[in-house]
Amino acid sequence: MKLHHTYFYHPDFVEDNTAVIEHFERREISMQKIQNALGRAERYIVPENSSETTLSMGIEAARGVLNESNISILDIDVIIFVSSSPEHHIPCDAIQIHHALNGKPDTLCYDMNANCIGAFIALDQVSKYLKGTRPGTKALVVCSEKFSRILDPDNPITAFCLSDSAFAFIVENDGDNTSGLIDVLYHTDSSFCNTVLYPPKGNSEHQHGDLTTWDRIFDGMGSVNFALENISLFLKRNQISLEQIDLFLFSQFSIKNINIIRDYFHLPEEKIPFYSKELGYTGASSPFLALDRYQKEVKSLKKGDYILIWTLGTGYQAGLMLWKY
């Protein structure tokens, strides 16, 4: 199984979070603790007068990864669109992407919404699906979010945290059974199911202008404890040591959470990339965007390298994935 092609698309407009932080400080809301936990400087925003949508950004990301990889849309057998803020519910936006790119008739298309763990689940599912297909079968996974449309600008957590962007990657059954998905582990604590909500009262009572509600008691620490308690056991059952992991792709939501895991296991900082400071938090795509940036800015991974992925989604659920490059 091969995951070698990625592409990041974002709007042109970059918002400097300094002004946002000063706005809250003038209201006597201390931002230093939040800033230290999340680690943000800039993020990408779709301006209010722009016609750009979650779907249009997703199409651009899909085009970008196809162009850079020299793979034709006619070679794509599966299109998965991952989003918490899709442009359409009927039909699914994966079909809209298929239409925009002139995909072939024998293509499986579906949307997925698992919030910030969505791309992780999509990779898990499509890897298992492709394993049962013929060599050469390819899947296009497109993640896209227009968070600025649904987030509360008066909430100090969401006001300067998340980016509008799209990200695409291609997964291929290359016939090599020695690479790809090795194992995955999930954890769900649904007692947090009402801490982050959109629409706040559900679609049955949805009103124009509704924004996401975010209770600050949800900080992702449960998923951190899940990682601390399970990483060693997870690797042990796969007969892999921490020292053998070449790259740790952790959720880019919080630098504080990453540092807790890093310090607990004494992991080398250079193996744990964090890019949300300059890119903002991109939701489901965040650990895979870290892979993209790391390979472009630090070094390329080699065949046989081990990757450990840890991420989470609101509600909440978390996951660990072991992948062999």
C-alpha atoms as a PDB file:
ATOM      1  CA  MET A   1       0.000   0.000   0.000  1.00  0.00           C
ATOM      2  CA  LYS A   2       1.371   3.393  -0.954  1.00  0.00           C
ATOM      3  CA  LEU A   3       0.703   6.887   0.414  1.00  0.00           C
ATOM      4  CA  HIS A   4       3.212   9.006  -1.498  1.00  0.00           C
ATOM      5  CA  HIS A   5       1.213  11.904  -2.980  1.00  0.00           C
ATOM      6  CA  THR A   6      -0.130  14.869  -0.969  1.00  0.00           C
ATOM      7  CA  TYR A   7      -1.244  18.418  -1.753  1.00  0.00           C
ATOM      8  CA  PHE A   8      -2.196  21.384   0.464  1.00  0.00           C
ATOM      9  CA  TYR A   9      -4.507  24.134  -0.803  1.00  0.00           C
ATOM     10  CA  HIS A  10      -5.393  27.271   1.141  1.00  0.00           C
ATOM     11  CA  PRO A  11      -6.929  30.702   0.521  1.00  0.00           C
ATOM     12  CA  ASP A  12      -4.608  33.606  -0.210  1.00  0.00           C
ATOM     13  CA  PHE A  13      -5.668  35.619   2.842  1.00  0.00           C
ATOM     14  CA  VAL A  14      -3.560  35.108   5.968  1.00  0.00           C
ATOM     15  CA  GLU A  15      -4.777  36.452   9.296  1.00  0.00           C
ATOM     16  CA  ASP A  16      -2.171  37.435  11.862  1.00  0.00           C
ATOM     17  CA  ASN A  17      -3.475  36.334  15.244  1.00  0.00           C
ATOM     18  CA  THR A  18      -1.845  39.246  17.051  1.00  0.00           C
ATOM     19  CA  ALA A  19      -4.876  41.455  16.415  1.00  0.00           C
ATOM     20  CA  VAL A  20      -7.276  38.712  17.542  1.00  0.00           C
ATOM     21  CA  ILE A  21      -5.346  38.177  20.770  1.00  0.00           C
ATOM     22  CA  GLU A  22      -5.249  41.924  21.453  1.00  0.00           C
ATOM     23  CA  HIS A  23      -9.027  42.070  20.906  1.00  0.00           C
ATOM     24  CA  PHE A  24      -9.587  39.596  23.732  1.00  0.00           C
ATOM     25  CA  GLU A  25      -6.970  41.157  25.973  1.00  0.00           C
ATOM     26  CA  ARG A  26      -8.819  44.504  25.714  1.00  0.00           C
ATOM     27  CA  ARG A  27     -11.867  42.647  27.045  1.00  0.00           C
ATOM     28  CA  GLU A  28      -9.714  41.429  29.941  1.00  0.00           C
ATOM     29  CA  ILE A  29      -9.738  37.855  28.662  1.00  0.00           C
ATOM     30  CA  SER A  30      -6.259  36.460  29.174  1.00  0.00           C
ATOM     31  CA  MET A  31      -5.023  34.723  26.032  1.00  0.00           C
ATOM     32  CA  GLN A  32      -1.539  33.776  27.152  1.00  0.00           C
ATOM     33  CA  LYS A  33      -2.529  30.396  28.593  1.00  0.00           C
ATOM     34  CA  ILE A  34      -4.587  29.502  25.512  1.00  0.00           C
ATOM     35  CA  GLN A  35      -1.821  30.683  23.188  1.00  0.00           C
ATOM     36  CA  ASN A  36       0.797  28.650  25.056  1.00  0.00           C
ATOM     37  CA  ALA A  37      -1.397  25.539  24.884  1.00  0.00           C
ATOM     38  CA  LEU A  38      -2.352  25.796  21.224  1.00  0.00           C
ATOM     39  CA  GLY A  39       0.653  27.573  19.683  1.00  0.00           C
ATOM     40  CA  ARG A  40      -0.667  29.848  16.941  1.00  0.00           C
ATOM     41  CA  ALA A  41       0.652  32.828  14.989  1.00  0.00           C
ATOM     42  CA  GLU A  42      -1.227  32.832  11.664  1.00  0.00           C
ATOM     43  CA  ARG A  43      -4.034  31.046   9.868  1.00  0.00           C
ATOM     44  CA  TYR A  44      -5.761  31.042   6.504  1.00  0.00           C
ATOM     45  CA  ILE A  45      -9.235  32.557   6.171  1.00  0.00           C
ATOM     46  CA  VAL A  46     -11.716  32.757   3.294  1.00  0.00           C
ATOM     47  CA  PRO A  47     -12.712  36.457   3.183  1.00  0.00           C
ATOM     48  CA  GLU A  48     -16.430  37.226   3.564  1.00  0.00           C
ATOM     49  CA  ASN A  49     -16.642  38.641   0.024  1.00  0.00           C
ATOM     50  CA  SER A  50     -15.070  35.509  -1.498  1.00  0.00           C
ATOM     51  CA  SER A  51     -17.049  32.898  -3.411  1.00  0.00           C
ATOM     52  CA  GLU A  52     -14.653  30.174  -2.260  1.00  0.00           C
ATOM     53  CA  THR A  53     -16.360  27.205  -0.582  1.00  0.00           C
ATOM     54  CA  THR A  54     -15.402  23.968   1.077  1.00  0.00           C
ATOM     55  CA  LEU A  55     -16.161  22.238  -2.205  1.00  0.00           C
ATOM     56  CA  SER A  56     -14.208  24.630  -4.437  1.00  0.00           C
ATOM     57  CA  MET A  57     -11.159  24.328  -2.170  1.00  0.00           C
ATOM     58  CA  GLY A  58     -11.512  20.550  -2.203  1.00  0.00           C
ATOM     59  CA  ILE A  59     -11.590  20.531  -5.999  1.00  0.00           C
ATOM     60  CA  GLU A  60      -8.421  22.634  -6.126  1.00  0.00           C
ATOM     61  CA  ALA A  61      -6.643  20.278  -3.714  1.00  0.00           C
ATOM     62  CA  ALA A  62      -7.750  17.272  -5.774  1.00  0.00           C
ATOM     63  CA  ARG A  63      -6.496  18.875  -8.982  1.00  0.00           C
ATOM     64  CA  GLY A  64      -3.237  19.760  -7.298  1.00  0.00           C
ATOM     65  CA  VAL A  65      -2.431  16.253  -6.094  1.00  0.00           C
ATOM     66  CA  LEU A  66      -3.348  14.747  -9.474  1.00  0.00           C
ATOM     67  CA  ASN A  67      -1.169  17.253 -11.339  1.00  0.00           C
ATOM     68  CA  GLU A  68       1.831  16.882  -9.051  1.00  0.00           C
ATOM     69  CA  SER A  69       1.645  13.084  -9.069  1.00  0.00           C
ATOM     70  CA  ASN A  70       1.009  12.821 -12.836  1.00  0.00           C
ATOM     71  CA  ILE A  71      -1.928  10.535 -12.038  1.00  0.00           C
ATOM     72  CA  SER A  72      -5.012  10.874 -14.228  1.00  0.00           C
ATOM     73  CA  ILE A  73      -8.476  11.191 -12.697  1.00  0.00           C
ATOM     74  CA  LEU A  74      -9.313   8.229 -14.950  1.00  0.00           C
ATOM     75  CA  ASP A  75      -6.980   6.134 -12.792  1.00  0.00           C
ATOM     76  CA  ILE A  76      -8.858   7.024  -9.604  1.00  0.00           C
ATOM     77  CA  ASP A  77     -11.245   4.285  -8.474  1.00  0.00           C
ATOM     78  CA  VAL A  78     -12.449   5.791  -5.161  1.00  0.00           C
ATOM     79  CA  ILE A  79     -13.121   9.404  -4.132  1.00  0.00           C
ATOM     80  CA  ILE A  80     -13.695  10.141  -0.437  1.00  0.00           C
ATOM     81  CA  PHE A  81     -14.557  13.659   0.693  1.00  0.00           C
ATOM     82  CA  VAL A  82     -13.870  14.354   4.384  1.00  0.00           C
ATOM     83  CA  SER A  83     -15.466  17.440   5.931  1.00  0.00           C
ATOM     84  CA  SER A  84     -17.332  18.773   8.969  1.00  0.00           C
ATOM     85  CA  SER A  85     -18.558  21.723   6.906  1.00  0.00           C
ATOM     86  CA  PRO A  86     -19.547  20.291   3.494  1.00  0.00           C
ATOM     87  CA  GLU A  87     -21.109  22.494   0.855  1.00  0.00           C
ATOM     88  CA  HIS A  88     -23.825  19.920   0.135  1.00  0.00           C
ATOM     89  CA  HIS A  89     -25.521  17.007   1.820  1.00  0.00           C
ATOM     90  CA  ILE A  90     -27.404  15.911  -1.314  1.00  0.00           C
ATOM     91  CA  PRO A  91     -25.682  14.798  -3.441  1.00  0.00           C
ATOM     92  CA  CYS A  92     -22.498  14.116  -1.552  1.00  0.00           C
ATOM     93  CA  ASP A  93     -19.610  16.432  -2.391  1.00  0.00           C
ATOM     94  CA  ALA A  94     -17.455  13.481  -3.505  1.00  0.00           C
ATOM     95  CA  ILE A  95     -19.815  13.202  -6.478  1.00  0.00           C
ATOM     96  CA  GLN A  96     -19.436  16.946  -7.118  1.00  0.00           C
ATOM     97  CA  ILE A  97     -15.641  16.478  -7.156  1.00  0.00           C
ATOM     98  CA  HIS A  98     -16.017  13.505  -9.501  1.00  0.00           C
ATOM     99  CA  HIS A  99     -18.100  15.674 -11.862  1.00  0.00           C
ATOM    100  CA  ALA A 100     -15.723  18.657 -11.709  1.00  0.00           C
ATOM    101  CA  LEU A 101     -12.727  16.460 -12.566  1.00  0.00           C
ATOM    102  CA  ASN A 102     -14.509  14.278 -15.156  1.00  0.00           C
ATOM    103  CA  GLY A 103     -14.009  11.059 -13.272  1.00  0.00           C
ATOM    104  CA  LYS A 104     -14.750   7.701 -14.864  1.00  0.00           C
ATOM    105  CA  PRO A 105     -18.115   5.948 -14.354  1.00  0.00           C
ATOM    106  CA  ASP A 106     -16.744   2.997 -12.365  1.00  0.00           C
ATOM    107  CA  THR A 107     -15.784   5.127  -9.349  1.00  0.00           C
ATOM    108  CA  LEU A 108     -16.931   4.756  -5.750  1.00  0.00           C
ATOM    109  CA  CYS A 109     -17.776   8.162  -4.222  1.00  0.00           C
ATOM    110  CA  TYR A 110     -18.790   8.985  -0.671  1.00  0.00           C
ATOM    111  CA  ASP A 111     -18.517  11.696   1.978  1.00  0.00           C
ATOM    112  CA  MET A 112     -17.335  11.208   5.537  1.00  0.00           C
ATOM    113  CA  ASN A 113     -17.798  13.357   8.622  1.00  0.00           C
ATOM    114  CA  ALA A 114     -15.943  12.193  11.714  1.00  0.00           C
ATOM    115  CA  ASN A 115     -14.724  15.695  12.569  1.00  0.00           C
ATOM    116  CA  CYS A 116     -10.995  15.991  13.202  1.00  0.00           C
ATOM    117  CA  ILE A 117     -10.314  12.252  13.082  1.00  0.00           C
ATOM    118  CA  GLY A 118     -11.995  11.945   9.682  1.00  0.00           C
ATOM    119  CA  ALA A 119      -8.918  11.599   7.448  1.00  0.00           C
ATOM    120  CA  PHE A 120      -7.420   9.071   9.871  1.00  0.00           C
ATOM    121  CA  ILE A 121     -10.570   6.918   9.585  1.00  0.00           C
ATOM    122  CA  ALA A 122     -10.701   7.410   5.809  1.00  0.00           C
ATOM    123  CA  LEU A 123      -7.123   6.131   5.468  1.00  0.00           C
ATOM    124  CA  ASP A 124      -7.916   3.171   7.706  1.00  0.00           C
ATOM    125  CA  GLN A 125     -11.054   2.240   5.764  1.00  0.00           C
ATOM    126  CA  VAL A 126      -9.722   2.787   2.259  1.00  0.00           C
ATOM    127  CA  SER A 127      -6.516   0.862   3.007  1.00  0.00           C
ATOM    128  CA  LYS A 128      -8.568  -2.150   4.047  1.00  0.00           C
ATOM    129  CA  TYR A 129     -10.824  -1.743   1.019  1.00  0.00           C
ATOM    130  CA  LEU A 130      -7.900  -1.466  -1.404  1.00  0.00           C
ATOM    131  CA  LYS A 131      -6.204  -4.494   0.133  1.00  0.00           C
ATOM    132  CA  GLY A 132      -9.050  -6.592  -1.236  1.00  0.00           C
ATOM    133  CA  THR A 133      -8.830  -5.120  -4.747  1.00  0.00           C
ATOM    134  CA  ARG A 134      -6.478  -5.624  -7.676  1.00  0.00           C
ATOM    135  CA  PRO A 135      -3.002  -4.022  -7.673  1.00  0.00           C
ATOM    136  CA  GLY A 136      -3.071  -0.541  -9.181  1.00  0.00           C
ATOM    137  CA  THR A 137      -6.380   0.474  -7.640  1.00  0.00           C
ATOM    138  CA  LYS A 138      -6.169   4.046  -6.384  1.00  0.00           C
ATOM    139  CA  ALA A 139      -8.192   6.178  -3.957  1.00  0.00           C
ATOM    140  CA  LEU A 140      -8.317   9.968  -3.761  1.00  0.00           C
ATOM    141  CA  VAL A 141      -9.023  11.342  -0.270  1.00  0.00           C
ATOM    142  CA  VAL A 142      -9.952  15.033  -0.116  1.00  0.00           C
ATOM    143  CA  CYS A 143     -10.278  16.906   3.193  1.00  0.00           C
ATOM    144  CA  SER A 144     -11.719  20.414   3.206  1.00  0.00           C
ATOM    145  CA  GLU A 145     -13.012  22.813   5.837  1.00  0.00           C
ATOM    146  CA  LYS A 146     -14.387  26.332   5.848  1.00  0.00           C
ATOM    147  CA  PHE A 147     -14.341  26.726   9.590  1.00  0.00           C
ATOM    148  CA  SER A 148     -14.727  30.514   9.513  1.00  0.00           C
ATOM    149  CA  ARG A 149     -18.342  30.039   8.400  1.00  0.00           C
ATOM    150  CA  ILE A 150     -19.399  28.123  11.507  1.00  0.00           C
ATOM    151  CA  LEU A 151     -17.064  29.209  14.325  1.00  0.00           C
ATOM    152  CA  ASP A 152     -17.802  31.826  16.977  1.00  0.00           C
ATOM    153  CA  PRO A 153     -15.463  34.834  16.694  1.00  0.00           C
ATOM    154  CA  ASP A 154     -16.185  35.659  20.347  1.00  0.00           C
ATOM    155  CA  ASN A 155     -14.938  32.307  21.633  1.00  0.00           C
ATOM    156  CA  PRO A 156     -11.252  32.754  22.548  1.00  0.00           C
ATOM    157  CA  ILE A 157     -10.411  29.158  21.576  1.00  0.00           C
ATOM    158  CA  THR A 158     -11.951  29.063  18.120  1.00  0.00           C
ATOM    159  CA  ALA A 159     -11.435  32.725  17.221  1.00  0.00           C
ATOM    160  CA  PHE A 160      -7.749  32.333  16.399  1.00  0.00           C
ATOM    161  CA  CYS A 161      -7.261  28.592  16.130  1.00  0.00           C
ATOM    162  CA  LEU A 162      -8.594  27.043  12.921  1.00  0.00           C
ATOM    163  CA  SER A 163      -7.757  27.535   9.240  1.00  0.00           C
ATOM    164  CA  ASP A 164      -9.887  27.355   6.118  1.00  0.00           C
ATOM    165  CA  SER A 165      -8.099  24.957   3.778  1.00  0.00           C
ATOM    166  CA  ALA A 166      -8.173  21.738   1.780  1.00  0.00           C
ATOM    167  CA  PHE A 167      -5.820  18.800   1.595  1.00  0.00           C
ATOM    168  CA  ALA A 168      -5.717  15.792  -0.731  1.00  0.00           C
ATOM    169  CA  PHE A 169      -3.779  12.552  -0.806  1.00  0.00           C
ATOM    170  CA  ILE A 170      -3.740   9.427  -2.947  1.00  0.00           C
ATOM    171  CA  VAL A 171      -3.616   5.881  -1.590  1.00  0.00           C
ATOM    172  CA  GLU A 172      -2.673   3.082  -3.974  1.00  0.00           C
ATOM    173  CA  ASN A 173      -2.690  -0.689  -3.777  1.00  0.00           C
ATOM    174  CA  ASP A 174       0.729  -1.181  -5.328  1.00  0.00           C
ATOM    175  CA  GLY A 175       0.737  -4.908  -4.635  1.00  0.00           C
ATOM    176  CA  ASP A 176       3.422  -4.561  -1.945  1.00  0.00           C
ATOM    177  CA  ASN A 177       2.128  -6.279   1.181  1.00  0.00           C
ATOM    178  CA  THR A 178       5.177  -5.194   3.192  1.00  0.00           C
ATOM    179  CA  SER A 179       4.106  -1.531   3.290  1.00  0.00           C
ATOM    180  CA  GLY A 180       0.997   0.366   4.345  1.00  0.00           C
ATOM    181  CA  LEU A 181      -1.372  -0.026   7.282  1.00  0.00           C
ATOM    182  CA  ILE A 182      -0.041  -2.315  10.005  1.00  0.00           C
ATOM    183  CA  ASP A 183      -2.487  -1.733  12.851  1.00  0.00           C
ATOM    184  CA  VAL A 184      -5.011   0.719  14.260  1.00  0.00           C
ATOM    185  CA  LEU A 185      -6.550   1.310  17.696  1.00  0.00           C
ATOM    186  CA  TYR A 186      -9.574   3.466  18.560  1.00  0.00           C
ATOM    187  CA  HIS A 187     -10.893   4.949  21.795  1.00  0.00           C
ATOM    188  CA  THR A 188     -14.255   6.698  22.265  1.00  0.00           C
ATOM    189  CA  ASP A 189     -15.529   8.625  25.299  1.00  0.00           C
ATOM    190  CA  SER A 190     -19.006   9.798  24.333  1.00  0.00           C
ATOM    191  CA  SER A 191     -19.554  11.581  27.660  1.00  0.00           C
ATOM    192  CA  PHE A 192     -18.112  14.591  25.802  1.00  0.00           C
ATOM    193  CA  CYS A 193     -20.714  14.400  23.018  1.00  0.00           C
ATOM    194  CA  ASN A 194     -22.321  17.754  23.898  1.00  0.00           C
ATOM    195  CA  THR A 195     -19.189  19.822  24.532  1.00  0.00           C
ATOM    196  CA  VAL A 196     -18.700  20.894  20.892  1.00  0.00           C
ATOM    197  CA  LEU A 197     -21.894  21.217  18.846  1.00  0.00           C
ATOM    198  CA  TYR A 198     -22.950  22.420  15.404  1.00  0.00           C
ATOM    199  CA  PRO A 199     -25.723  23.218  14.845  1.00  0.00           C
ATOM    200  CA  PRO A 200     -26.017  23.957  18.571  1.00  0.00           C
ATOM    201  CA  LYS A 201     -29.590  22.597  18.749  1.00  0.00           C
ATOM    202  CA  GLY A 202     -29.384  20.193  15.834  1.00  0.00           C
ATOM    203  CA  ASN A 203     -30.667  20.527  12.290  1.00  0.00           C
ATOM    204  CA  SER A 204     -34.279  20.276  13.467  1.00  0.00           C
ATOM    205  CA  GLU A 205     -33.898  23.682  15.172  1.00  0.00           C
ATOM    206  CA  HIS A 206     -31.185  25.149  12.948  1.00  0.00           C
ATOM    207  CA  GLN A 207     -31.369  28.906  12.460  1.00  0.00           C
ATOM    208  CA  HIS A 208     -29.512  31.183  10.085  1.00  0.00           C
ATOM    209  CA  GLY A 209     -26.369  32.474  11.751  1.00  0.00           C
ATOM    210  CA  ASP A 210     -25.981  29.559  14.157  1.00  0.00           C
ATOM    211  CA  LEU A 211     -22.380  29.051  15.254  1.00  0.00           C
ATOM    212  CA  THR A 212     -20.512  26.170  16.847  1.00  0.00           C
ATOM    213  CA  THR A 213     -20.703  26.037  20.630  1.00  0.00           C
ATOM    214  CA  TRP A 214     -17.472  24.975  22.338  1.00  0.00           C
ATOM    215  CA  ASP A 215     -17.368  24.216  26.039  1.00  0.00           C
ATOM    216  CA  ARG A 216     -13.863  24.904  27.268  1.00  0.00           C
ATOM    217  CA  ILE A 217     -13.876  21.792  29.445  1.00  0.00           C
ATOM    218  CA  PHE A 218     -13.054  19.899  26.227  1.00  0.00           C
ATOM    219  CA  ASP A 219      -9.304  20.285  25.773  1.00  0.00           C
ATOM    220  CA  GLY A 220      -8.423  16.903  24.317  1.00  0.00           C
ATOM    221  CA  MET A 221      -6.667  15.697  27.471  1.00  0.00           C
ATOM    222  CA  GLY A 222      -8.620  12.447  27.454  1.00  0.00           C
ATOM    223  CA  SER A 223      -7.068  11.602  24.103  1.00  0.00           C
ATOM    224  CA  VAL A 224      -3.635  12.476  25.491  1.00  0.00           C
ATOM    225  CA  ASN A 225      -4.145  10.053  28.377  1.00  0.00           C
ATOM    226  CA  PHE A 226      -5.266   7.436  25.834  1.00  0.00           C
ATOM    227  CA  ALA A 227      -1.959   7.953  23.991  1.00  0.00           C
ATOM    228  CA  LEU A 228       0.121   7.809  27.177  1.00  0.00           C
ATOM    229  CA  GLU A 229      -1.560   4.599  28.315  1.00  0.00           C
ATOM    230  CA  ASN A 230      -1.617   2.802  24.969  1.00  0.00           C
ATOM    231  CA  ILE A 231       1.304   3.766  22.719  1.00  0.00           C
ATOM    232  CA  SER A 232       3.764   1.325  24.297  1.00  0.00           C
ATOM    233  CA  LEU A 233       1.213  -1.522  24.391  1.00  0.00           C
ATOM    234  CA  PHE A 234       0.120  -0.774  20.821  1.00  0.00           C
ATOM    235  CA  LEU A 235       3.680  -0.934  19.520  1.00  0.00           C
ATOM    236  CA  LYS A 236       4.512  -3.975  21.621  1.00  0.00           C
ATOM    237  CA  ARG A 237       1.676  -5.995  20.099  1.00  0.00           C
ATOM    238  CA  ASN A 238       3.156  -5.175  16.681  1.00  0.00           C
ATOM    239  CA  GLN A 239       6.708  -5.998  17.836  1.00  0.00           C
ATOM    240  CA  ILE A 240       7.899  -2.453  17.139  1.00  0.00           C
ATOM    241  CA  SER A 241       9.854  -0.264  19.567  1.00  0.00           C
ATOM    242  CA  LEU A 242       9.535   3.504  19.993  1.00  0.00           C
ATOM    243  CA  GLU A 243      13.093   3.847  18.735  1.00  0.00           C
ATOM    244  CA  GLN A 244      12.083   2.245  15.428  1.00  0.00           C
ATOM    245  CA  ILE A 245       9.470   4.919  14.695  1.00  0.00           C
ATOM    246  CA  ASP A 246      10.906   7.326  12.115  1.00  0.00           C
ATOM    247  CA  LEU A 247       8.136   9.946  12.280  1.00  0.00           C
ATOM    248  CA  PHE A 248       5.376  10.754  14.774  1.00  0.00           C
ATOM    249  CA  LEU A 249       2.374  12.407  13.120  1.00  0.00           C
ATOM    250  CA  PHE A 250       0.354  13.840  15.999  1.00  0.00           C
ATOM    251  CA  SER A 251      -2.795  15.950  15.936  1.00  0.00           C
ATOM    252  CA  GLN A 252      -1.768  19.530  15.258  1.00  0.00           C
ATOM    253  CA  PHE A 253      -4.503  20.979  17.493  1.00  0.00           C
ATOM    254  CA  SER A 254      -2.364  21.652  20.558  1.00  0.00           C
ATOM    255  CA  ILE A 255       1.390  21.994  20.992  1.00  0.00           C
ATOM    256  CA  LYS A 256       0.879  21.483  24.736  1.00  0.00           C
ATOM    257  CA  ASN A 257      -0.673  18.055  24.168  1.00  0.00           C
ATOM    258  CA  ILE A 258       2.116  17.071  21.782  1.00  0.00           C
ATOM    259  CA  ASN A 259       4.749  18.132  24.297  1.00  0.00           C
ATOM    260  CA  ILE A 260       3.118  16.090  27.073  1.00  0.00           C
ATOM    261  CA  ILE A 261       3.372  12.938  24.940  1.00  0.00           C
ATOM    262  CA  ARG A 262       6.880  13.830  23.766  1.00  0.00           C
ATOM    263  CA  ASP A 263       8.186  14.386  27.291  1.00  0.00           C
ATOM    264  CA  TYR A 264       6.479  11.290  28.721  1.00  0.00           C
ATOM    265  CA  PHE A 265       8.139   8.989  26.192  1.00  0.00           C
ATOM    266  CA  HIS A 266      11.351  11.058  25.822  1.00  0.00           C
ATOM    267  CA  LEU A 267      10.814  11.344  22.084  1.00  0.00           C
ATOM    268  CA  PRO A 268      13.233  13.341  19.898  1.00  0.00           C
ATOM    269  CA  GLU A 269      11.643  16.673  19.021  1.00  0.00           C
ATOM    270  CA  GLU A 270      12.862  16.493  15.418  1.00  0.00           C
ATOM    271  CA  LYS A 271      10.656  13.447  14.838  1.00  0.00           C
ATOM    272  CA  ILE A 272       7.449  15.245  15.881  1.00  0.00           C
ATOM    273  CA  PRO A 273       6.651  18.050  13.407  1.00  0.00           C
ATOM    274  CA  PHE A 274       4.254  20.841  14.399  1.00  0.00           C
ATOM    275  CA  TYR A 275       3.048  23.283  11.747  1.00  0.00           C
ATOM    276  CA  SER A 276      -0.157  24.771  13.181  1.00  0.00           C
ATOM    277  CA  LYS A 277       1.741  27.805  14.435  1.00  0.00           C
ATOM    278  CA  GLU A 278       2.176  29.167  10.918  1.00  0.00           C
ATOM    279  CA  LEU A 279      -0.645  27.300   9.121  1.00  0.00           C
ATOM    280  CA  GLY A 280      -3.417  27.230  11.702  1.00  0.00           C
ATOM    281  CA  TYR A 281      -5.283  24.072  12.629  1.00  0.00           C
ATOM    282  CA  THR A 282      -6.773  22.368   9.574  1.00  0.00           C
ATOM    283  CA  GLY A 283      -8.981  19.766  11.258  1.00  0.00           C
ATOM    284  CA  ALA A 284      -9.081  16.235   9.859  1.00  0.00           C
ATOM    285  CA  SER A 285      -6.086  16.741   7.590  1.00  0.00           C
ATOM    286  CA  SER A 286      -3.753  17.993  10.326  1.00  0.00           C
ATOM    287  CA  PRO A 287      -1.509  14.920  10.864  1.00  0.00           C
ATOM    288  CA  PHE A 288      -1.278  14.357   7.110  1.00  0.00           C
ATOM    289  CA  LEU A 289      -0.483  18.009   6.481  1.00  0.00           C
ATOM    290  CA  ALA A 290       2.356  17.529   8.966  1.00  0.00           C
ATOM    291  CA  LEU A 291       3.578  14.647   6.792  1.00  0.00           C
ATOM    292  CA  ASP A 292       3.387  16.846   3.691  1.00  0.00           C
ATOM    293  CA  ARG A 293       5.251  19.769   5.283  1.00  0.00           C
ATOM    294  CA  TYR A 294       7.867  17.529   6.896  1.00  0.00           C
ATOM    295  CA  GLN A 295       8.763  15.892   3.598  1.00  0.00           C
ATOM    296  CA  LYS A 296       8.903  19.240   1.797  1.00  0.00           C
ATOM    297  CA  GLU A 297      10.821  21.149   4.468  1.00  0.00           C
ATOM    298  CA  VAL A 298      12.886  18.555   6.348  1.00  0.00           C
ATOM    299  CA  LYS A 299      13.449  15.323   4.446  1.00  0.00           C
ATOM    300  CA  SER A 300      11.670  12.644   2.458  1.00  0.00           C
ATOM    301  CA  LEU A 301      10.732   9.373   4.080  1.00  0.00           C
ATOM    302  CA  LYS A 302      12.301   6.171   2.793  1.00  0.00           C
ATOM    303  CA  LYS A 303      10.608   2.910   1.931  1.00  0.00           C
ATOM    304  CA  GLY A 304      10.312   0.873   5.095  1.00  0.00           C
ATOM    305  CA  ASP A 305      10.159   3.858   7.488  1.00  0.00           C
ATOM    306  CA  TYR A 306       7.655   3.513  10.323  1.00  0.00           C
ATOM    307  CA  ILE A 307       5.053   6.223  11.051  1.00  0.00           C
ATOM    308  CA  LEU A 308       2.952   6.454  14.219  1.00  0.00           C
ATOM    309  CA  ILE A 309      -0.187   8.583  13.924  1.00  0.00           C
ATOM    310  CA  TRP A 310      -2.180   9.857  16.910  1.00  0.00           C
ATOM    311  CA  THR A 311      -5.176  12.141  16.511  1.00  0.00           C
ATOM    312  CA  LEU A 312      -8.641  12.877  17.879  1.00  0.00           C
ATOM    313  CA  GLY A 313     -12.069  14.153  16.959  1.00  0.00           C
ATOM    314  CA  THR A 314     -14.608  16.036  19.054  1.00  0.00           C
ATOM    315  CA  GLY A 315     -17.238  14.123  20.887  1.00  0.00           C
ATOM    316  CA  TYR A 316     -14.748  12.525  21.403  1.00  0.00           C
ATOM    317  CA  GLN A 317     -12.808   9.702  19.809  1.00  0.00           C
ATOM    318  CA  ALA A 318      -9.086   9.176  19.393  1.00  0.00           C
ATOM    319  CA  GLY A 319      -6.918   6.776  17.447  1.00  0.00           C
ATOM    320  CA  LEU A 320      -3.441   5.325  17.001  1.00  0.00           C
ATOM    321  CA  MET A 321      -2.232   4.072  13.634  1.00  0.00           C
ATOM    322  CA  LEU A 322       0.992   2.302  12.712  1.00  0.00           C
ATOM    323  CA  TRP A 323       1.941   2.736   9.054  1.00  0.00           C
ATOM    324  CA  LYS A 324       4.946   1.408   7.170  1.00  0.00           C
ATOM    325  CA  TYR A 325       6.015   3.732   4.367  1.00  0.00           C
END
